[in-house]
Amino acid sequence: MPPKPLTNPRKNASQERSRATVDALVEATARILVRDGFDKASTNRIAAEAGVSIGSLYQYYPGKEALVAAVIDRHNQDIMQVVRRAFAEVALQPVEKAARRLIAVAIEAHRIDPKLHRVLAEQIPRTGRLENVEAFNREAHALFKSYLESHSDELRVRDPGLAAFVCVTSIEALAHTAVLHNSEKLSDKAAEALIDEAARLVIGYLK
């Protein structure tokens, strides 16, 4: 059995110059993944794309799997920041308005870079990042549950934890499947229609 690839960085960048190097490497990895795919990515190509020496790359990352893992982590962090802001924004809004806004944000987050999202979804098992995805889902469920608990007087459902699981899973499945298999549904007009139908689904369930 071949050894499991190393997916953690060798060290963290602490100074501005080293952070710039790491950023360049992660961004170059993302571009190559979208353009050429995982199999054609290599540390030499990534270093050249980033304008960084191969020695500098190996100072921070043991191999391309670690760089792909870094891209996955950054992509998930970017999406989670959008999600957190959305929940803060809708905290006091009624269910109908909040649900539509949260669905729109989920779909918009998946539209940020759909080609990259598709590639990363394929690489998550290879890089051992399933645990990070599960943590992302747990936080989304907790945020949705908290919202539902504070608006319980508007709801038909009586178990906010179960309702949060149903809603978040449904919304994520719709957005994720659109990115992976039905990218035409992410165009402006089609995305608006998808938001309308998903909102009808979620609001009908909750109320």
Protein backbone atom coordinates (compact mmCIF):
# COMPACT_ATOMS: atom_id res chain seq x y z
CA MET A 1 0.00 0.00 0.00
CA PRO A 2 1.47 3.40 -0.97
CA PRO A 3 2.08 5.82 1.91
CA LYS A 4 -0.70 8.27 2.65
CA PRO A 5 0.18 11.70 1.19
CA LEU A 6 0.99 14.48 3.63
CA THR A 7 -1.71 17.15 3.55
CA ASN A 8 -0.69 19.52 6.33
CA PRO A 9 1.68 22.46 5.75
CA ARG A 10 5.25 22.16 7.01
CA LYS A 11 5.01 25.51 8.77
CA ASN A 12 2.73 28.51 9.02
CA ALA A 13 3.59 31.82 7.41
CA SER A 14 4.01 34.47 10.10
CA GLN A 15 5.63 37.40 8.29
CA GLU A 16 4.10 39.51 5.54
CA ARG A 17 6.55 38.29 2.89
CA SER A 18 6.05 34.63 3.76
CA ARG A 19 2.27 35.10 3.80
CA ALA A 20 2.49 36.59 0.31
CA THR A 21 4.46 33.53 -0.82
CA VAL A 22 1.89 31.15 0.65
CA ASP A 23 -0.98 33.14 -0.90
CA ALA A 24 0.70 33.01 -4.31
CA LEU A 25 1.16 29.24 -4.03
CA VAL A 26 -2.43 28.57 -2.95
CA GLU A 27 -3.85 30.83 -5.66
CA ALA A 28 -1.60 29.22 -8.30
CA THR A 29 -2.75 25.76 -7.19
CA ALA A 30 -6.39 26.81 -7.57
CA ARG A 31 -5.78 28.14 -11.08
CA ILE A 32 -4.01 24.97 -12.18
CA LEU A 33 -6.70 22.73 -10.71
CA VAL A 34 -9.40 24.58 -12.64
CA ARG A 35 -7.42 24.77 -15.86
CA ASP A 36 -5.66 21.40 -15.95
CA GLY A 37 -7.08 19.18 -13.19
CA PHE A 38 -5.45 17.41 -10.26
CA ASP A 39 -3.51 14.81 -12.20
CA LYS A 40 -1.68 17.39 -14.30
CA ALA A 41 -0.84 19.58 -11.32
CA SER A 42 2.68 19.20 -9.93
CA THR A 43 4.78 21.11 -7.44
CA ASN A 44 7.05 22.30 -10.26
CA ARG A 45 4.12 23.66 -12.26
CA ILE A 46 2.58 25.26 -9.17
CA ALA A 47 5.85 26.94 -8.22
CA ALA A 48 6.33 28.25 -11.77
CA GLU A 49 2.72 29.50 -11.90
CA ALA A 50 3.18 31.28 -8.57
CA GLY A 51 6.55 32.77 -9.53
CA VAL A 52 8.13 31.03 -6.53
CA SER A 53 11.16 28.74 -6.38
CA ILE A 54 10.51 25.05 -5.82
CA GLY A 55 12.67 25.30 -2.69
CA SER A 56 10.39 27.97 -1.28
CA LEU A 57 7.35 25.81 -2.03
CA TYR A 58 8.84 22.89 -0.09
CA GLN A 59 9.58 25.17 2.85
CA TYR A 60 5.83 25.45 3.40
CA TYR A 61 4.23 22.39 1.79
CA PRO A 62 5.41 18.75 1.52
CA GLY A 63 3.64 18.14 -1.80
CA LYS A 64 0.77 19.02 -4.09
CA GLU A 65 -1.79 17.23 -1.89
CA ALA A 66 -1.02 19.66 0.92
CA LEU A 67 -1.48 22.59 -1.44
CA VAL A 68 -4.81 21.21 -2.65
CA ALA A 69 -5.85 20.79 0.99
CA ALA A 70 -4.93 24.43 1.58
CA VAL A 71 -7.10 25.48 -1.36
CA ILE A 72 -10.00 23.42 0.04
CA ASP A 73 -9.61 24.95 3.50
CA ARG A 74 -9.47 28.49 2.14
CA HIS A 75 -12.45 27.94 -0.15
CA ASN A 76 -14.52 26.54 2.74
CA GLN A 77 -13.49 29.42 5.01
CA ASP A 78 -14.54 31.95 2.37
CA ILE A 79 -17.96 30.29 2.04
CA MET A 80 -18.41 30.05 5.81
CA GLN A 81 -17.68 33.75 6.23
CA VAL A 82 -20.45 34.51 3.75
CA VAL A 83 -22.81 32.19 5.62
CA ARG A 84 -22.04 33.73 9.03
CA ARG A 85 -22.68 37.23 7.70
CA ALA A 86 -25.98 36.08 6.21
CA PHE A 87 -27.23 34.64 9.51
CA ALA A 88 -26.27 37.84 11.33
CA GLU A 89 -28.13 39.83 8.68
CA VAL A 90 -31.39 37.84 8.96
CA ALA A 91 -31.42 37.31 12.73
CA LEU A 92 -34.42 39.60 13.28
CA GLN A 93 -36.18 39.00 9.96
CA PRO A 94 -39.38 36.91 9.66
CA VAL A 95 -39.06 33.34 8.41
CA GLU A 96 -40.29 34.02 4.86
CA LYS A 97 -37.75 36.78 4.26
CA ALA A 98 -34.90 35.07 6.13
CA ALA A 99 -35.33 31.70 4.41
CA ARG A 100 -35.24 33.26 0.95
CA ARG A 101 -32.15 35.29 1.84
CA LEU A 102 -30.30 32.28 3.27
CA ILE A 103 -31.08 30.19 0.20
CA ALA A 104 -29.93 32.99 -2.08
CA VAL A 105 -26.68 33.31 -0.12
CA ALA A 106 -26.05 29.55 -0.30
CA ILE A 107 -26.49 29.56 -4.07
CA GLU A 108 -24.42 32.73 -4.49
CA ALA A 109 -21.64 31.20 -2.38
CA HIS A 110 -21.55 28.19 -4.69
CA ARG A 111 -21.43 30.53 -7.70
CA ILE A 112 -18.25 32.26 -6.46
CA ASP A 113 -16.05 29.84 -8.41
CA PRO A 114 -18.13 26.86 -9.56
CA LYS A 115 -15.34 25.27 -11.59
CA LEU A 116 -13.05 25.30 -8.57
CA HIS A 117 -15.87 24.01 -6.37
CA ARG A 118 -16.36 21.02 -8.68
CA VAL A 119 -12.66 20.15 -8.68
CA LEU A 120 -12.34 20.50 -4.91
CA ALA A 121 -15.40 18.34 -4.28
CA GLU A 122 -13.58 15.53 -6.09
CA GLN A 123 -10.41 16.03 -4.05
CA ILE A 124 -11.89 16.29 -0.54
CA PRO A 125 -11.69 12.51 0.16
CA ARG A 126 -8.16 12.32 -1.26
CA THR A 127 -6.91 15.09 1.03
CA GLY A 128 -8.68 13.93 4.18
CA ARG A 129 -10.76 17.10 4.44
CA LEU A 130 -14.10 15.34 5.09
CA GLU A 131 -13.76 16.22 8.77
CA ASN A 132 -13.49 19.92 7.90
CA VAL A 133 -16.60 19.70 5.72
CA GLU A 134 -18.47 18.02 8.57
CA ALA A 135 -17.42 20.85 10.92
CA PHE A 136 -18.68 23.35 8.34
CA ASN A 137 -22.03 21.54 8.22
CA ARG A 138 -22.29 21.39 12.02
CA GLU A 139 -21.78 25.15 12.27
CA ALA A 140 -24.38 25.83 9.57
CA HIS A 141 -26.86 23.56 11.39
CA ALA A 142 -26.17 25.31 14.70
CA LEU A 143 -26.69 28.75 13.17
CA PHE A 144 -29.95 27.68 11.53
CA LYS A 145 -31.17 26.01 14.72
CA SER A 146 -30.45 29.17 16.70
CA TYR A 147 -32.43 31.23 14.20
CA LEU A 148 -35.39 28.82 14.33
CA GLU A 149 -35.40 28.80 18.13
CA SER A 150 -35.65 32.58 18.21
CA HIS A 151 -38.57 32.49 15.73
CA SER A 152 -40.41 29.48 17.15
CA ASP A 153 -43.69 31.42 17.37
CA GLU A 154 -43.74 31.60 13.53
CA LEU A 155 -43.16 27.89 12.96
CA ARG A 156 -45.23 24.76 12.54
CA VAL A 157 -42.29 22.47 13.29
CA ARG A 158 -41.54 21.77 16.94
CA ASP A 159 -38.02 20.33 16.85
CA PRO A 160 -35.65 23.13 15.75
CA GLY A 161 -32.64 20.81 15.64
CA LEU A 162 -34.32 18.38 13.26
CA ALA A 163 -35.82 21.23 11.23
CA ALA A 164 -32.39 22.86 10.90
CA PHE A 165 -30.93 19.56 9.68
CA VAL A 166 -33.68 19.14 7.09
CA CYS A 167 -33.40 22.72 5.82
CA VAL A 168 -29.61 23.00 5.70
CA THR A 169 -29.22 19.58 4.09
CA SER A 170 -31.87 20.40 1.47
CA ILE A 171 -30.41 23.81 0.64
CA GLU A 172 -26.84 22.50 0.46
CA ALA A 173 -27.88 19.54 -1.70
CA LEU A 174 -29.67 21.81 -4.17
CA ALA A 175 -26.78 24.27 -4.42
CA HIS A 176 -24.09 21.59 -4.50
CA THR A 177 -25.85 19.48 -7.14
CA ALA A 178 -26.42 22.55 -9.29
CA VAL A 179 -22.67 23.26 -9.20
CA LEU A 180 -21.60 19.68 -9.87
CA HIS A 181 -24.17 18.50 -12.40
CA ASN A 182 -26.45 21.33 -13.57
CA SER A 183 -24.28 24.41 -13.94
CA GLU A 184 -26.84 25.98 -16.30
CA LYS A 185 -29.04 26.47 -13.22
CA LEU A 186 -26.46 28.93 -11.85
CA SER A 187 -26.98 31.54 -14.57
CA ASP A 188 -28.65 34.70 -13.26
CA LYS A 189 -32.18 33.94 -14.47
CA ALA A 190 -32.03 30.22 -13.66
CA ALA A 191 -30.54 30.87 -10.23
CA GLU A 192 -33.42 33.22 -9.40
CA ALA A 193 -35.91 30.51 -10.35
CA LEU A 194 -34.00 27.96 -8.24
CA ILE A 195 -34.10 30.33 -5.26
CA ASP A 196 -37.87 30.81 -5.71
CA GLU A 197 -38.54 27.06 -5.75
CA ALA A 198 -36.18 26.27 -2.89
CA ALA A 199 -37.74 29.04 -0.78
CA ARG A 200 -41.18 27.61 -1.47
CA LEU A 201 -39.93 24.20 -0.36
CA VAL A 202 -38.29 25.38 2.87
CA ILE A 203 -40.97 27.86 3.92
CA GLY A 204 -43.71 25.32 3.20
CA TYR A 205 -41.95 22.81 5.43
CA LEU A 206 -41.31 25.25 8.28
CA LYS A 207 -44.75 26.85 8.29
